[in-house]
Amino acid sequence: DELAITRFIADLESRLGDPGMAAMNTTRLEGNAYNLNELIRATAAMPFLAKRRLVILENFLGRVKDRPEQEAFKAALVKVPETTALVLVERKPLVEEKERRKGKEHWLEIWAREAGEKALLKEFVPLKGYPLIVWIQEQARKAGGEFTQAAAKELVGLVNENPRQAEH
């Protein structure tokens, strides 16, 4: 759910305080150009006039393929200081639903579970059907409006179950 991911990250950024300071304490890295040393440098940097900094690494798993790369990545995760919040964003499931039903877990999920409170694994599954209808009604209420269930259902059909389009 692209909208939920965007909102989650925006909430983290807002917790950094003043938007100008937040911008100076936020680093975005794109996984297509992923470099482990760059990630280590970004996470190790001290926050500037703030308590924490935010590092966002998107779409990187395609570049962390074999076991040695995975082990190096996990070793880097362990070294992330408390002053840095590292957000790893993948825009596809870590494990396909068919494989998940067979009990398969991704190596990153296993690491996050073992890391305990140091890690938070959050999946943003796209809302569809009735849950999206309810979400539309809640968003309308928050904005001071109202949607009947029938109108929300109609909107779901018009936006092809896309929350971002529904929000607009």
Protein backbone atom coordinates (compact mmCIF):
# COMPACT_ATOMS: atom_id res chain seq x y z
CA ASP A 1 0.00 0.00 0.00
CA GLU A 2 2.01 2.92 -1.36
CA LEU A 3 -0.06 5.52 0.47
CA ALA A 4 0.35 3.78 3.84
CA ILE A 5 4.12 3.52 3.31
CA THR A 6 4.33 7.21 2.41
CA ARG A 7 2.29 8.20 5.47
CA PHE A 8 4.36 5.99 7.78
CA ILE A 9 7.60 7.59 6.61
CA ALA A 10 6.10 11.09 6.78
CA ASP A 11 5.10 10.40 10.39
CA LEU A 12 8.67 9.33 11.22
CA GLU A 13 10.01 12.49 9.57
CA SER A 14 7.56 14.66 11.51
CA ARG A 15 8.92 13.19 14.75
CA LEU A 16 12.32 14.66 13.92
CA GLY A 17 10.93 18.11 14.68
CA ASP A 18 11.26 21.21 12.52
CA PRO A 19 10.91 20.30 8.81
CA GLY A 20 14.23 21.98 8.00
CA MET A 21 16.05 20.00 10.67
CA ALA A 22 14.22 16.86 9.62
CA ALA A 23 15.45 17.33 6.05
CA MET A 24 19.04 17.73 7.25
CA ASN A 25 18.72 14.57 9.34
CA THR A 26 17.11 12.40 6.67
CA THR A 27 19.04 10.40 4.11
CA ARG A 28 17.32 8.53 1.29
CA LEU A 29 19.16 5.77 -0.51
CA GLU A 30 17.86 3.96 -3.57
CA GLY A 31 18.47 0.24 -3.68
CA ASN A 32 19.21 0.18 -7.40
CA ALA A 33 22.44 2.01 -6.55
CA TYR A 34 22.79 0.23 -3.18
CA ASN A 35 26.24 0.17 -1.67
CA LEU A 36 26.75 -1.36 1.78
CA ASN A 37 29.54 1.09 2.68
CA GLU A 38 27.30 4.04 1.84
CA LEU A 39 24.57 2.59 4.06
CA ILE A 40 27.02 2.10 6.91
CA ARG A 41 28.27 5.70 6.59
CA ALA A 42 24.72 7.07 6.47
CA THR A 43 23.56 5.14 9.54
CA ALA A 44 26.71 5.91 11.53
CA ALA A 45 26.47 9.69 11.00
CA MET A 46 25.47 11.64 14.08
CA PRO A 47 22.25 13.65 14.02
CA PHE A 48 22.69 17.39 13.43
CA LEU A 49 21.07 19.43 16.21
CA ALA A 50 18.50 16.68 16.76
CA LYS A 51 18.14 13.56 18.89
CA ARG A 52 17.82 11.17 15.96
CA ARG A 53 18.31 10.87 12.25
CA LEU A 54 16.39 8.89 9.67
CA VAL A 55 17.90 6.75 6.92
CA ILE A 56 15.55 5.29 4.32
CA LEU A 57 16.76 2.53 2.00
CA GLU A 58 14.30 1.56 -0.71
CA ASN A 59 14.12 -1.46 -2.99
CA PHE A 60 17.46 -2.94 -2.06
CA LEU A 61 16.80 -6.67 -1.73
CA GLY A 62 17.42 -7.34 -5.39
CA ARG A 63 21.03 -6.35 -4.75
CA VAL A 64 21.47 -8.51 -1.62
CA LYS A 65 21.26 -11.90 -3.23
CA ASP A 66 23.66 -14.44 -1.86
CA ARG A 67 24.38 -15.56 1.68
CA PRO A 68 27.65 -13.58 2.12
CA GLU A 69 25.88 -10.36 1.08
CA GLN A 70 23.01 -11.16 3.45
CA GLU A 71 25.39 -11.80 6.33
CA ALA A 72 27.25 -8.54 5.64
CA PHE A 73 23.95 -6.67 5.51
CA LYS A 74 22.76 -8.18 8.80
CA ALA A 75 26.11 -7.31 10.41
CA ALA A 76 25.60 -3.70 9.30
CA LEU A 77 22.08 -3.70 10.77
CA VAL A 78 23.39 -4.75 14.16
CA LYS A 79 25.75 -1.76 14.17
CA VAL A 80 23.07 0.88 13.51
CA PRO A 81 23.30 3.25 16.50
CA GLU A 82 20.31 4.19 18.66
CA THR A 83 20.52 7.70 17.23
CA THR A 84 19.52 6.42 13.79
CA ALA A 85 16.20 5.03 12.65
CA LEU A 86 16.81 2.90 9.57
CA VAL A 87 13.74 2.25 7.44
CA LEU A 88 13.99 -0.50 4.85
CA VAL A 89 11.27 -0.26 2.22
CA GLU A 90 10.49 -3.03 -0.24
CA ARG A 91 7.58 -2.45 -2.56
CA LYS A 92 6.82 -6.10 -3.02
CA PRO A 93 6.21 -8.95 -0.56
CA LEU A 94 9.33 -10.47 0.97
CA VAL A 95 7.76 -13.90 0.45
CA GLU A 96 4.95 -14.70 -1.97
CA GLU A 97 1.70 -15.75 -0.32
CA LYS A 98 1.91 -19.26 -1.77
CA GLU A 99 5.34 -19.76 -0.20
CA ARG A 100 4.22 -18.10 3.04
CA ARG A 101 1.44 -20.71 3.41
CA LYS A 102 4.14 -23.39 3.22
CA GLY A 103 5.87 -21.75 6.20
CA LYS A 104 8.64 -20.00 4.30
CA GLU A 105 10.18 -16.89 5.86
CA HIS A 106 12.53 -14.37 4.35
CA TRP A 107 16.00 -14.05 5.89
CA LEU A 108 15.26 -10.44 6.81
CA GLU A 109 12.08 -11.45 8.67
CA ILE A 110 14.06 -14.00 10.64
CA TRP A 111 16.67 -11.37 11.50
CA ALA A 112 13.99 -8.86 12.59
CA ARG A 113 12.31 -11.41 14.87
CA GLU A 114 15.65 -12.32 16.45
CA ALA A 115 16.58 -8.63 16.86
CA GLY A 116 13.61 -8.14 19.19
CA GLU A 117 12.88 -4.52 20.08
CA LYS A 118 15.70 -3.25 17.89
CA ALA A 119 13.63 -4.02 14.77
CA LEU A 120 10.06 -3.41 13.68
CA LEU A 121 8.77 -5.33 10.70
CA LYS A 122 5.66 -3.74 9.28
CA GLU A 123 3.81 -4.96 6.22
CA PHE A 124 1.57 -2.57 4.34
CA VAL A 125 -0.89 -4.81 2.56
CA PRO A 126 -3.04 -2.93 0.05
CA LEU A 127 -6.60 -2.46 1.25
CA LYS A 128 -9.20 -4.04 -0.98
CA GLY A 129 -12.93 -4.54 -0.90
CA TYR A 130 -14.77 -3.84 2.34
CA PRO A 131 -11.68 -2.73 4.36
CA LEU A 132 -11.02 -0.05 1.70
CA ILE A 133 -14.65 1.07 1.89
CA VAL A 134 -14.32 1.46 5.67
CA TRP A 135 -11.00 3.30 5.22
CA ILE A 136 -12.61 5.77 2.79
CA GLN A 137 -15.39 6.46 5.28
CA GLU A 138 -12.84 7.00 8.09
CA GLN A 139 -10.77 9.37 5.95
CA ALA A 140 -13.89 11.37 5.08
CA ARG A 141 -14.81 11.63 8.78
CA LYS A 142 -11.30 12.81 9.67
CA ALA A 143 -11.63 15.52 7.00
CA GLY A 144 -15.00 16.61 8.40
CA GLY A 145 -17.11 14.93 5.72
CA GLU A 146 -19.12 11.82 5.30
CA PHE A 147 -19.40 8.96 2.82
CA THR A 148 -22.25 6.51 2.76
CA GLN A 149 -21.21 2.91 2.37
CA ALA A 150 -22.76 2.82 -1.11
CA ALA A 151 -20.84 5.95 -2.18
CA ALA A 152 -17.58 4.59 -0.75
CA LYS A 153 -18.16 1.31 -2.60
CA GLU A 154 -18.73 3.24 -5.83
CA LEU A 155 -15.50 5.18 -5.27
CA VAL A 156 -13.59 1.94 -4.71
CA GLY A 157 -14.75 0.78 -8.13
CA LEU A 158 -13.84 4.08 -9.77
CA VAL A 159 -10.29 4.15 -8.39
CA ASN A 160 -9.64 0.46 -9.02
CA GLU A 161 -9.03 -0.17 -5.30
CA ASN A 162 -6.18 2.37 -5.14
CA PRO A 163 -6.14 4.22 -1.77
CA ARG A 164 -3.95 7.05 -3.11
CA GLN A 165 -6.44 7.79 -5.88
CA ALA A 166 -9.32 7.46 -3.43
CA GLU A 167 -7.64 9.99 -1.15
CA HIS A 168 -7.55 12.55 -3.94
